PDB file of all heavy atoms in Angstrom:
ATOM      1  N   ARG A   1       5.427  18.141 196.901  1.00  0.00           N
ATOM      2  CA  ARG A   1       4.762  19.441 197.002  1.00  0.00           C
ATOM      3  C   ARG A   1       5.325  20.434 196.004  1.00  0.00           C
ATOM      4  O   ARG A   1       4.585  21.234 195.429  1.00  0.00           O
ATOM      5  CB  ARG A   1       4.876  19.995 198.423  1.00  0.00           C
ATOM      6  CG  ARG A   1       3.919  19.306 199.389  1.00  0.00           C
ATOM      7  CD  ARG A   1       4.062  19.765 200.803  1.00  0.00           C
ATOM      8  NE  ARG A   1       4.033  21.212 200.935  1.00  0.00           N
ATOM      9  CZ  ARG A   1       4.094  21.845 202.083  1.00  0.00           C
ATOM     10  NH1 ARG A   1       4.198  21.171 203.218  1.00  0.00           N
ATOM     11  NH2 ARG A   1       4.062  23.150 202.138  1.00  0.00           N
ATOM     12  N   GLU A   2       6.632  20.409 195.790  1.00  0.00           N
ATOM     13  CA  GLU A   2       7.241  21.314 194.807  1.00  0.00           C
ATOM     14  C   GLU A   2       6.768  20.967 193.400  1.00  0.00           C
ATOM     15  O   GLU A   2       6.414  21.857 192.622  1.00  0.00           O
ATOM     16  CB  GLU A   2       8.762  21.233 194.886  1.00  0.00           C
ATOM     17  CG  GLU A   2       9.332  21.802 196.167  1.00  0.00           C
ATOM     18  CD  GLU A   2      10.812  21.488 196.338  1.00  0.00           C
ATOM     19  OE1 GLU A   2      11.195  20.315 196.162  1.00  0.00           O
ATOM     20  OE2 GLU A   2      11.560  22.423 196.637  1.00  0.00           O
ATOM     21  N   THR A   3       6.753  19.680 193.098  1.00  0.00           N
ATOM     22  CA  THR A   3       6.282  19.231 191.787  1.00  0.00           C
ATOM     23  C   THR A   3       4.818  19.585 191.606  1.00  0.00           C
ATOM     24  O   THR A   3       4.408  20.101 190.558  1.00  0.00           O
ATOM     25  CB  THR A   3       6.478  17.714 191.637  1.00  0.00           C
ATOM     26  OG1 THR A   3       7.864  17.415 191.782  1.00  0.00           O
ATOM     27  CG2 THR A   3       5.992  17.221 190.289  1.00  0.00           C
ATOM     28  N   LEU A   4       4.016  19.337 192.637  1.00  0.00           N
ATOM     29  CA  LEU A   4       2.591  19.648 192.571  1.00  0.00           C
ATOM     30  C   LEU A   4       2.367  21.131 192.323  1.00  0.00           C
ATOM     31  O   LEU A   4       1.549  21.507 191.479  1.00  0.00           O
ATOM     32  CB  LEU A   4       1.900  19.226 193.874  1.00  0.00           C
ATOM     33  CG  LEU A   4       0.414  19.553 193.972  1.00  0.00           C
ATOM     34  CD1 LEU A   4      -0.386  18.760 192.944  1.00  0.00           C
ATOM     35  CD2 LEU A   4      -0.093  19.280 195.367  1.00  0.00           C
ATOM     36  N   ALA A   5       3.104  21.983 193.008  1.00  0.00           N
ATOM     37  CA  ALA A   5       2.955  23.428 192.844  1.00  0.00           C
ATOM     38  C   ALA A   5       3.185  23.833 191.388  1.00  0.00           C
ATOM     39  O   ALA A   5       2.381  24.573 190.803  1.00  0.00           O
ATOM     40  CB  ALA A   5       3.915  24.175 193.768  1.00  0.00           C
ATOM     41  N   VAL A   6       4.253  23.335 190.809  1.00  0.00           N
ATOM     42  CA  VAL A   6       4.579  23.664 189.413  1.00  0.00           C
ATOM     43  C   VAL A   6       3.502  23.145 188.471  1.00  0.00           C
ATOM     44  O   VAL A   6       3.023  23.859 187.589  1.00  0.00           O
ATOM     45  CB  VAL A   6       5.957  23.078 189.025  1.00  0.00           C
ATOM     46  CG1 VAL A   6       6.202  23.170 187.533  1.00  0.00           C
ATOM     47  CG2 VAL A   6       7.061  23.774 189.797  1.00  0.00           C
ATOM     48  N   ARG A   7       3.096  21.910 188.674  1.00  0.00           N
ATOM     49  CA  ARG A   7       2.137  21.297 187.753  1.00  0.00           C
ATOM     50  C   ARG A   7       0.739  21.883 187.893  1.00  0.00           C
ATOM     51  O   ARG A   7       0.000  21.956 186.909  1.00  0.00           O
ATOM     52  CB  ARG A   7       2.152  19.788 187.911  1.00  0.00           C
ATOM     53  CG  ARG A   7       3.493  19.248 187.402  1.00  0.00           C
ATOM     54  CD  ARG A   7       3.575  17.783 187.338  1.00  0.00           C
ATOM     55  NE  ARG A   7       4.867  17.399 186.741  1.00  0.00           N
ATOM     56  CZ  ARG A   7       5.287  16.162 186.651  1.00  0.00           C
ATOM     57  NH1 ARG A   7       4.544  15.167 187.082  1.00  0.00           N
ATOM     58  NH2 ARG A   7       6.463  15.910 186.110  1.00  0.00           N
ATOM     59  N   LEU A   8       0.376  22.320 189.087  1.00  0.00           N
ATOM     60  CA  LEU A   8      -0.916  22.989 189.235  1.00  0.00           C
ATOM     61  C   LEU A   8      -0.922  24.320 188.499  1.00  0.00           C
ATOM     62  O   LEU A   8      -1.911  24.674 187.850  1.00  0.00           O
ATOM     63  CB  LEU A   8      -1.257  23.205 190.714  1.00  0.00           C
ATOM     64  CG  LEU A   8      -1.674  21.980 191.507  1.00  0.00           C
ATOM     65  CD1 LEU A   8      -1.899  22.353 192.970  1.00  0.00           C
ATOM     66  CD2 LEU A   8      -2.919  21.329 190.920  1.00  0.00           C
ATOM     67  N   ARG A   9       0.180  25.067 188.604  1.00  0.00           N
ATOM     68  CA  ARG A   9       0.262  26.343 187.878  1.00  0.00           C
ATOM     69  C   ARG A   9       0.189  26.096 186.372  1.00  0.00           C
ATOM     70  O   ARG A   9      -0.496  26.822 185.645  1.00  0.00           O
ATOM     71  CB  ARG A   9       1.551  27.086 188.229  1.00  0.00           C
ATOM     72  CG  ARG A   9       1.529  27.725 189.601  1.00  0.00           C
ATOM     73  CD  ARG A   9       2.682  28.690 189.825  1.00  0.00           C
ATOM     74  NE  ARG A   9       3.988  28.125 189.570  1.00  0.00           N
ATOM     75  CZ  ARG A   9       4.758  27.488 190.467  1.00  0.00           C
ATOM     76  NH1 ARG A   9       4.324  27.333 191.697  1.00  0.00           N
ATOM     77  NH2 ARG A   9       5.940  27.026 190.141  1.00  0.00           N
ATOM     78  N   GLN A  10       0.892  25.075 185.900  1.00  0.00           N
ATOM     79  CA  GLN A  10       0.868  24.752 184.474  1.00  0.00           C
ATOM     80  C   GLN A  10      -0.534  24.337 184.029  1.00  0.00           C
ATOM     81  O   GLN A  10      -1.004  24.773 182.978  1.00  0.00           O
ATOM     82  CB  GLN A  10       1.860  23.633 184.158  1.00  0.00           C
ATOM     83  CG  GLN A  10       3.301  24.046 184.283  1.00  0.00           C
ATOM     84  CD  GLN A  10       4.256  22.862 184.166  1.00  0.00           C
ATOM     85  OE1 GLN A  10       3.867  21.694 184.307  1.00  0.00           O
ATOM     86  NE2 GLN A  10       5.523  23.159 183.930  1.00  0.00           N
ATOM     87  N   ALA A  11      -1.180  23.498 184.820  1.00  0.00           N
ATOM     88  CA  ALA A  11      -2.508  23.001 184.457  1.00  0.00           C
ATOM     89  C   ALA A  11      -3.541  24.123 184.424  1.00  0.00           C
ATOM     90  O   ALA A  11      -4.450  24.106 183.591  1.00  0.00           O
ATOM     91  CB  ALA A  11      -2.945  21.913 185.447  1.00  0.00           C
ATOM     92  N   ARG A  12      -3.381  25.087 185.301  1.00  0.00           N
ATOM     93  CA  ARG A  12      -4.340  26.203 185.342  1.00  0.00           C
ATOM     94  C   ARG A  12      -4.261  27.036 184.077  1.00  0.00           C
ATOM     95  O   ARG A  12      -5.276  27.539 183.581  1.00  0.00           O
ATOM     96  CB  ARG A  12      -4.098  27.078 186.577  1.00  0.00           C
ATOM     97  CG  ARG A  12      -5.135  28.186 186.704  1.00  0.00           C
ATOM     98  CD  ARG A  12      -5.202  28.776 188.083  1.00  0.00           C
ATOM     99  NE  ARG A  12      -3.951  29.303 188.561  1.00  0.00           N
ATOM    100  CZ  ARG A  12      -3.519  30.545 188.360  1.00  0.00           C
ATOM    101  NH1 ARG A  12      -4.246  31.397 187.670  1.00  0.00           N
ATOM    102  NH2 ARG A  12      -2.366  30.941 188.855  1.00  0.00           N
ATOM    103  N   GLY A  13      -3.069  27.161 183.518  1.00  0.00           N
ATOM    104  CA  GLY A  13      -2.904  27.904 182.268  1.00  0.00           C
ATOM    105  C   GLY A  13      -3.425  29.315 182.371  1.00  0.00           C
ATOM    106  O   GLY A  13      -3.044  30.071 183.253  1.00  0.00           O
ATOM    107  N   GLU A  14      -4.345  29.655 181.488  1.00  0.00           N
ATOM    108  CA  GLU A  14      -4.899  31.010 181.419  1.00  0.00           C
ATOM    109  C   GLU A  14      -6.114  31.209 182.326  1.00  0.00           C
ATOM    110  O   GLU A  14      -6.632  32.309 182.425  1.00  0.00           O
ATOM    111  CB  GLU A  14      -5.286  31.342 179.971  1.00  0.00           C
ATOM    112  CG  GLU A  14      -4.116  31.339 179.001  1.00  0.00           C
ATOM    113  CD  GLU A  14      -3.095  32.415 179.308  1.00  0.00           C
ATOM    114  OE1 GLU A  14      -3.494  33.548 179.631  1.00  0.00           O
ATOM    115  OE2 GLU A  14      -1.893  32.112 179.237  1.00  0.00           O
ATOM    116  N   ARG A  15      -6.542  30.147 182.972  1.00  0.00           N
ATOM    117  CA  ARG A  15      -7.690  30.275 183.879  1.00  0.00           C
ATOM    118  C   ARG A  15      -7.297  31.120 185.087  1.00  0.00           C
ATOM    119  O   ARG A  15      -6.164  31.074 185.535  1.00  0.00           O
ATOM    120  CB  ARG A  15      -8.142  28.905 184.376  1.00  0.00           C
ATOM    121  CG  ARG A  15      -8.645  27.968 183.322  1.00  0.00           C
ATOM    122  CD  ARG A  15      -8.945  26.621 183.990  1.00  0.00           C
ATOM    123  NE  ARG A  15      -9.228  25.575 183.052  1.00  0.00           N
ATOM    124  CZ  ARG A  15      -8.358  24.651 182.655  1.00  0.00           C
ATOM    125  NH1 ARG A  15      -7.122  24.645 183.105  1.00  0.00           N
ATOM    126  NH2 ARG A  15      -8.716  23.727 181.793  1.00  0.00           N
ATOM    127  N   THR A  16      -8.253  31.825 185.641  1.00  0.00           N
ATOM    128  CA  THR A  16      -7.986  32.585 186.856  1.00  0.00           C
ATOM    129  C   THR A  16      -8.189  31.688 188.073  1.00  0.00           C
ATOM    130  O   THR A  16      -8.873  30.662 187.997  1.00  0.00           O
ATOM    131  CB  THR A  16      -8.930  33.800 186.976  1.00  0.00           C
ATOM    132  OG1 THR A  16     -10.271  33.328 187.151  1.00  0.00           O
ATOM    133  CG2 THR A  16      -8.823  34.722 185.766  1.00  0.00           C
ATOM    134  N   LEU A  17      -7.617  32.112 189.189  1.00  0.00           N
ATOM    135  CA  LEU A  17      -7.844  31.384 190.434  1.00  0.00           C
ATOM    136  C   LEU A  17      -9.331  31.375 190.778  1.00  0.00           C
ATOM    137  O   LEU A  17      -9.853  30.385 191.289  1.00  0.00           O
ATOM    138  CB  LEU A  17      -7.045  32.015 191.579  1.00  0.00           C
ATOM    139  CG  LEU A  17      -5.535  31.796 191.549  1.00  0.00           C
ATOM    140  CD1 LEU A  17      -4.856  32.650 192.607  1.00  0.00           C
ATOM    141  CD2 LEU A  17      -5.198  30.329 191.742  1.00  0.00           C
ATOM    142  N   LYS A  18     -10.010  32.467 190.477  1.00  0.00           N
ATOM    143  CA  LYS A  18     -11.442  32.564 190.759  1.00  0.00           C
ATOM    144  C   LYS A  18     -12.222  31.520 189.968  1.00  0.00           C
ATOM    145  O   LYS A  18     -13.126  30.874 190.509  1.00  0.00           O
ATOM    146  CB  LYS A  18     -11.955  33.969 190.441  1.00  0.00           C
ATOM    147  CG  LYS A  18     -13.410  34.172 190.787  1.00  0.00           C
ATOM    148  CD  LYS A  18     -13.846  35.605 190.557  1.00  0.00           C
ATOM    149  CE  LYS A  18     -15.301  35.789 190.955  1.00  0.00           C
ATOM    150  NZ  LYS A  18     -15.743  37.173 190.767  1.00  0.00           N
ATOM    151  N   GLU A  19     -11.883  31.343 188.694  1.00  0.00           N
ATOM    152  CA  GLU A  19     -12.565  30.344 187.868  1.00  0.00           C
ATOM    153  C   GLU A  19     -12.381  28.937 188.436  1.00  0.00           C
ATOM    154  O   GLU A  19     -13.336  28.153 188.509  1.00  0.00           O
ATOM    155  CB  GLU A  19     -12.037  30.387 186.431  1.00  0.00           C
ATOM    156  CG  GLU A  19     -12.433  31.625 185.669  1.00  0.00           C
ATOM    157  CD  GLU A  19     -11.717  31.770 184.341  1.00  0.00           C
ATOM    158  OE1 GLU A  19     -10.566  31.302 184.187  1.00  0.00           O
ATOM    159  OE2 GLU A  19     -12.329  32.363 183.438  1.00  0.00           O
ATOM    160  N   VAL A  20     -11.152  28.636 188.834  1.00  0.00           N
ATOM    161  CA  VAL A  20     -10.871  27.312 189.394  1.00  0.00           C
ATOM    162  C   VAL A  20     -11.595  27.140 190.720  1.00  0.00           C
ATOM    163  O   VAL A  20     -12.171  26.081 191.000  1.00  0.00           O
ATOM    164  CB  VAL A  20      -9.347  27.097 189.557  1.00  0.00           C
ATOM    165  CG1 VAL A  20      -9.048  25.754 190.211  1.00  0.00           C
ATOM    166  CG2 VAL A  20      -8.633  27.193 188.208  1.00  0.00           C
ATOM    167  N   SER A  21     -11.595  28.177 191.522  1.00  0.00           N
ATOM    168  CA  SER A  21     -12.258  28.133 192.815  1.00  0.00           C
ATOM    169  C   SER A  21     -13.757  27.862 192.674  1.00  0.00           C
ATOM    170  O   SER A  21     -14.308  26.999 193.372  1.00  0.00           O
ATOM    171  CB  SER A  21     -12.045  29.461 193.557  1.00  0.00           C
ATOM    172  OG  SER A  21     -12.764  29.467 194.766  1.00  0.00           O
ATOM    173  N   ILE A  22     -14.385  28.563 191.775  1.00  0.00           N
ATOM    174  CA  ILE A  22     -15.824  28.385 191.559  1.00  0.00           C
ATOM    175  C   ILE A  22     -16.122  26.968 191.060  1.00  0.00           C
ATOM    176  O   ILE A  22     -17.047  26.311 191.533  1.00  0.00           O
ATOM    177  CB  ILE A  22     -16.364  29.444 190.579  1.00  0.00           C
ATOM    178  CG1 ILE A  22     -16.344  30.821 191.244  1.00  0.00           C
ATOM    179  CG2 ILE A  22     -17.769  29.092 190.090  1.00  0.00           C
ATOM    180  CD1 ILE A  22     -16.586  31.982 190.297  1.00  0.00           C
ATOM    181  N   ALA A  23     -15.317  26.493 190.125  1.00  0.00           N
ATOM    182  CA  ALA A  23     -15.556  25.176 189.535  1.00  0.00           C
ATOM    183  C   ALA A  23     -15.297  24.028 190.511  1.00  0.00           C
ATOM    184  O   ALA A  23     -15.946  22.986 190.423  1.00  0.00           O
ATOM    185  CB  ALA A  23     -14.680  25.005 188.293  1.00  0.00           C
ATOM    186  N   THR A  24     -14.356  24.210 191.430  1.00  0.00           N
ATOM    187  CA  THR A  24     -13.970  23.117 192.328  1.00  0.00           C
ATOM    188  C   THR A  24     -14.521  23.252 193.741  1.00  0.00           C
ATOM    189  O   THR A  24     -14.539  22.277 194.485  1.00  0.00           O
ATOM    190  CB  THR A  24     -12.436  23.021 192.440  1.00  0.00           C
ATOM    191  OG1 THR A  24     -11.931  24.238 193.005  1.00  0.00           O
ATOM    192  CG2 THR A  24     -11.792  22.732 191.095  1.00  0.00           C
ATOM    193  N   GLY A  25     -14.930  24.465 194.115  1.00  0.00           N
ATOM    194  CA  GLY A  25     -15.387  24.696 195.472  1.00  0.00           C
ATOM    195  C   GLY A  25     -14.260  24.853 196.471  1.00  0.00           C
ATOM    196  O   GLY A  25     -14.464  24.840 197.675  1.00  0.00           O
ATOM    197  N   ILE A  26     -13.040  25.040 195.960  1.00  0.00           N
ATOM    198  CA  ILE A  26     -11.869  25.240 196.811  1.00  0.00           C
ATOM    199  C   ILE A  26     -11.597  26.740 196.900  1.00  0.00           C
ATOM    200  O   ILE A  26     -11.595  27.435 195.887  1.00  0.00           O
ATOM    201  CB  ILE A  26     -10.625  24.509 196.251  1.00  0.00           C
ATOM    202  CG1 ILE A  26     -10.916  23.013 196.089  1.00  0.00           C
ATOM    203  CG2 ILE A  26      -9.418  24.729 197.151  1.00  0.00           C
ATOM    204  CD1 ILE A  26      -9.832  22.261 195.318  1.00  0.00           C
ATOM    205  N   ASN A  27     -11.348  27.246 198.089  1.00  0.00           N
ATOM    206  CA  ASN A  27     -11.090  28.664 198.310  1.00  0.00           C
ATOM    207  C   ASN A  27      -9.920  29.162 197.451  1.00  0.00           C
ATOM    208  O   ASN A  27      -8.918  28.462 197.298  1.00  0.00           O
ATOM    209  CB  ASN A  27     -10.791  28.874 199.798  1.00  0.00           C
ATOM    210  CG  ASN A  27     -10.622  30.322 200.151  1.00  0.00           C
ATOM    211  OD1 ASN A  27      -9.586  30.907 199.889  1.00  0.00           O
ATOM    212  ND2 ASN A  27     -11.639  30.888 200.760  1.00  0.00           N
ATOM    213  N   ILE A  28     -10.050  30.360 196.917  1.00  0.00           N
ATOM    214  CA  ILE A  28      -9.012  30.969 196.077  1.00  0.00           C
ATOM    215  C   ILE A  28      -7.663  31.006 196.802  1.00  0.00           C
ATOM    216  O   ILE A  28      -6.633  30.666 196.214  1.00  0.00           O
ATOM    217  CB  ILE A  28      -9.409  32.407 195.666  1.00  0.00           C
ATOM    218  CG1 ILE A  28     -10.590  32.389 194.715  1.00  0.00           C
ATOM    219  CG2 ILE A  28      -8.232  33.141 195.033  1.00  0.00           C
ATOM    220  CD1 ILE A  28     -11.159  33.773 194.413  1.00  0.00           C
ATOM    221  N   ILE A  29      -7.670  31.430 198.034  1.00  0.00           N
ATOM    222  CA  ILE A  29      -6.418  31.538 198.793  1.00  0.00           C
ATOM    223  C   ILE A  29      -5.773  30.171 198.962  1.00  0.00           C
ATOM    224  O   ILE A  29      -4.551  30.027 198.853  1.00  0.00           O
ATOM    225  CB  ILE A  29      -6.665  32.221 200.152  1.00  0.00           C
ATOM    226  CG1 ILE A  29      -7.087  33.671 199.930  1.00  0.00           C
ATOM    227  CG2 ILE A  29      -5.438  32.130 201.046  1.00  0.00           C
ATOM    228  CD1 ILE A  29      -7.610  34.373 201.162  1.00  0.00           C
ATOM    229  N   THR A  30      -6.590  29.162 199.188  1.00  0.00           N
ATOM    230  CA  THR A  30      -6.073  27.804 199.347  1.00  0.00           C
ATOM    231  C   THR A  30      -5.401  27.334 198.062  1.00  0.00           C
ATOM    232  O   THR A  30      -4.293  26.786 198.095  1.00  0.00           O
ATOM    233  CB  THR A  30      -7.210  26.842 199.750  1.00  0.00           C
ATOM    234  OG1 THR A  30      -7.783  27.303 200.972  1.00  0.00           O
ATOM    235  CG2 THR A  30      -6.705  25.430 199.928  1.00  0.00           C
ATOM    236  N   ILE A  31      -6.043  27.545 196.927  1.00  0.00           N
ATOM    237  CA  ILE A  31      -5.451  27.153 195.636  1.00  0.00           C
ATOM    238  C   ILE A  31      -4.145  27.894 195.421  1.00  0.00           C
ATOM    239  O   ILE A  31      -3.143  27.306 195.006  1.00  0.00           O
ATOM    240  CB  ILE A  31      -6.431  27.420 194.477  1.00  0.00           C
ATOM    241  CG1 ILE A  31      -7.689  26.563 194.627  1.00  0.00           C
ATOM    242  CG2 ILE A  31      -5.746  27.150 193.130  1.00  0.00           C
ATOM    243  CD1 ILE A  31      -8.821  26.962 193.706  1.00  0.00           C
ATOM    244  N   SER A  32      -4.139  29.177 195.706  1.00  0.00           N
ATOM    245  CA  SER A  32      -2.921  29.975 195.559  1.00  0.00           C
ATOM    246  C   SER A  32      -1.791  29.414 196.423  1.00  0.00           C
ATOM    247  O   SER A  32      -0.641  29.333 195.978  1.00  0.00           O
ATOM    248  CB  SER A  32      -3.207  31.430 195.935  1.00  0.00           C
ATOM    249  OG  SER A  32      -2.025  32.186 195.923  1.00  0.00           O
ATOM    250  N   ARG A  33      -2.115  29.026 197.627  1.00  0.00           N
ATOM    251  CA  ARG A  33      -1.089  28.464 198.524  1.00  0.00           C
ATOM    252  C   ARG A  33      -0.572  27.130 198.012  1.00  0.00           C
ATOM    253  O   ARG A  33       0.613  26.837 198.145  1.00  0.00           O
ATOM    254  CB  ARG A  33      -1.639  28.341 199.933  1.00  0.00           C
ATOM    255  CG  ARG A  33      -1.777  29.688 200.605  1.00  0.00           C
ATOM    256  CD  ARG A  33      -2.358  29.584 201.982  1.00  0.00           C
ATOM    257  NE  ARG A  33      -2.450  30.915 202.573  1.00  0.00           N
ATOM    258  CZ  ARG A  33      -3.243  31.222 203.572  1.00  0.00           C
ATOM    259  NH1 ARG A  33      -4.020  30.300 204.126  1.00  0.00           N
ATOM    260  NH2 ARG A  33      -3.274  32.441 204.047  1.00  0.00           N
ATOM    261  N   TYR A  34      -1.435  26.305 197.420  1.00  0.00           N
ATOM    262  CA  TYR A  34      -0.967  25.056 196.816  1.00  0.00           C
ATOM    263  C   TYR A  34       0.013  25.373 195.681  1.00  0.00           C
ATOM    264  O   TYR A  34       1.060  24.750 195.565  1.00  0.00           O
ATOM    265  CB  TYR A  34      -2.124  24.246 196.233  1.00  0.00           C
ATOM    266  CG  TYR A  34      -3.143  23.723 197.202  1.00  0.00           C
ATOM    267  CD1 TYR A  34      -4.453  23.511 196.791  1.00  0.00           C
ATOM    268  CD2 TYR A  34      -2.832  23.417 198.520  1.00  0.00           C
ATOM    269  CE1 TYR A  34      -5.426  23.015 197.646  1.00  0.00           C
ATOM    270  CE2 TYR A  34      -3.795  22.929 199.397  1.00  0.00           C
ATOM    271  CZ  TYR A  34      -5.089  22.723 198.951  1.00  0.00           C
ATOM    272  OH  TYR A  34      -6.045  22.230 199.799  1.00  0.00           O
ATOM    273  N   GLU A  35      -0.345  26.345 194.842  1.00  0.00           N
ATOM    274  CA  GLU A  35       0.482  26.691 193.687  1.00  0.00           C
ATOM    275  C   GLU A  35       1.814  27.314 194.082  1.00  0.00           C
ATOM    276  O   GLU A  35       2.751  27.313 193.291  1.00  0.00           O
ATOM    277  CB  GLU A  35      -0.278  27.643 192.763  1.00  0.00           C
ATOM    278  CG  GLU A  35      -1.418  26.990 192.023  1.00  0.00           C
ATOM    279  CD  GLU A  35      -2.048  27.912 191.001  1.00  0.00           C
ATOM    280  OE1 GLU A  35      -1.579  29.059 190.826  1.00  0.00           O
ATOM    281  OE2 GLU A  35      -3.020  27.475 190.361  1.00  0.00           O
ATOM    282  N   ARG A  36       1.893  27.876 195.278  1.00  0.00           N
ATOM    283  CA  ARG A  36       3.145  28.488 195.748  1.00  0.00           C
ATOM    284  C   ARG A  36       3.868  27.602 196.766  1.00  0.00           C
ATOM    285  O   ARG A  36       4.850  28.016 197.362  1.00  0.00           O
ATOM    286  CB  ARG A  36       2.858  29.863 196.367  1.00  0.00           C
ATOM    287  CG  ARG A  36       2.387  30.883 195.332  1.00  0.00           C
ATOM    288  CD  ARG A  36       2.095  32.251 195.935  1.00  0.00           C
ATOM    289  NE  ARG A  36       0.923  32.187 196.813  1.00  0.00           N
ATOM    290  CZ  ARG A  36       0.933  32.522 198.102  1.00  0.00           C
ATOM    291  NH1 ARG A  36       2.033  32.974 198.674  1.00  0.00           N
ATOM    292  NH2 ARG A  36      -0.160  32.438 198.827  1.00  0.00           N
ATOM    293  N   ASN A  37       3.389  26.372 196.936  1.00  0.00           N
ATOM    294  CA  ASN A  37       3.977  25.412 197.873  1.00  0.00           C
ATOM    295  C   ASN A  37       4.007  25.971 199.295  1.00  0.00           C
ATOM    296  O   ASN A  37       4.957  25.793 200.035  1.00  0.00           O
ATOM    297  CB  ASN A  37       5.374  24.987 197.416  1.00  0.00           C
ATOM    298  CG  ASN A  37       5.918  23.814 198.206  1.00  0.00           C
ATOM    299  OD1 ASN A  37       5.170  23.081 198.837  1.00  0.00           O
ATOM    300  ND2 ASN A  37       7.223  23.649 198.181  1.00  0.00           N
ATOM    301  N   LYS A  38       2.942  26.645 199.669  1.00  0.00           N
ATOM    302  CA  LYS A  38       2.827  27.222 201.009  1.00  0.00           C
ATOM    303  C   LYS A  38       1.853  26.442 201.882  1.00  0.00           C
ATOM    304  O   LYS A  38       1.681  26.770 203.046  1.00  0.00           O
ATOM    305  CB  LYS A  38       2.360  28.695 200.936  1.00  0.00           C
ATOM    306  CG  LYS A  38       3.289  29.594 200.171  1.00  0.00           C
ATOM    307  CD  LYS A  38       4.606  29.741 200.892  1.00  0.00           C
ATOM    308  CE  LYS A  38       5.518  30.693 200.148  1.00  0.00           C
ATOM    309  NZ  LYS A  38       6.861  30.688 200.679  1.00  0.00           N
ATOM    310  N   ARG A  39       1.202  25.437 201.292  1.00  0.00           N
ATOM    311  CA  ARG A  39       0.237  24.639 202.043  1.00  0.00           C
ATOM    312  C   ARG A  39       0.210  23.230 201.475  1.00  0.00           C
ATOM    313  O   ARG A  39       0.235  23.038 200.256  1.00  0.00           O
ATOM    314  CB  ARG A  39      -1.146  25.269 201.942  1.00  0.00           C
ATOM    315  CG  ARG A  39      -2.200  24.510 202.697  1.00  0.00           C
ATOM    316  CD  ARG A  39      -3.502  25.247 202.696  1.00  0.00           C
ATOM    317  NE  ARG A  39      -4.506  24.424 203.392  1.00  0.00           N
ATOM    318  CZ  ARG A  39      -5.649  24.873 203.810  1.00  0.00           C
ATOM    319  NH1 ARG A  39      -5.964  26.137 203.618  1.00  0.00           N
ATOM    320  NH2 ARG A  39      -6.503  24.080 204.406  1.00  0.00           N
ATOM    321  N   GLU A  40       0.131  22.258 202.352  1.00  0.00           N
ATOM    322  CA  GLU A  40       0.026  20.867 201.919  1.00  0.00           C
ATOM    323  C   GLU A  40      -1.414  20.576 201.518  1.00  0.00           C
ATOM    324  O   GLU A  40      -2.356  20.994 202.193  1.00  0.00           O
ATOM    325  CB  GLU A  40       0.463  19.921 203.037  1.00  0.00           C
ATOM    326  CG  GLU A  40       0.556  18.494 202.575  1.00  0.00           C
ATOM    327  CD  GLU A  40       1.359  17.623 203.506  1.00  0.00           C
ATOM    328  OE1 GLU A  40       1.848  18.127 204.539  1.00  0.00           O
ATOM    329  OE2 GLU A  40       1.475  16.433 203.216  1.00  0.00           O
TER     330      GLU A  40
END
C-alpha cells in the first residue's frame, strides 16, 4: 500500500485528481485516499 501510494502519485504527474476520476470512473476522494495510503 505504501509503494502503491507513492507510485500512483508519480504516475498521475501533472494530471488533476478530477481528470483521473473522470477518465477512470473512480471517485476523486477515493483516488486521493489511495495516493495517501488511507484506503486499501
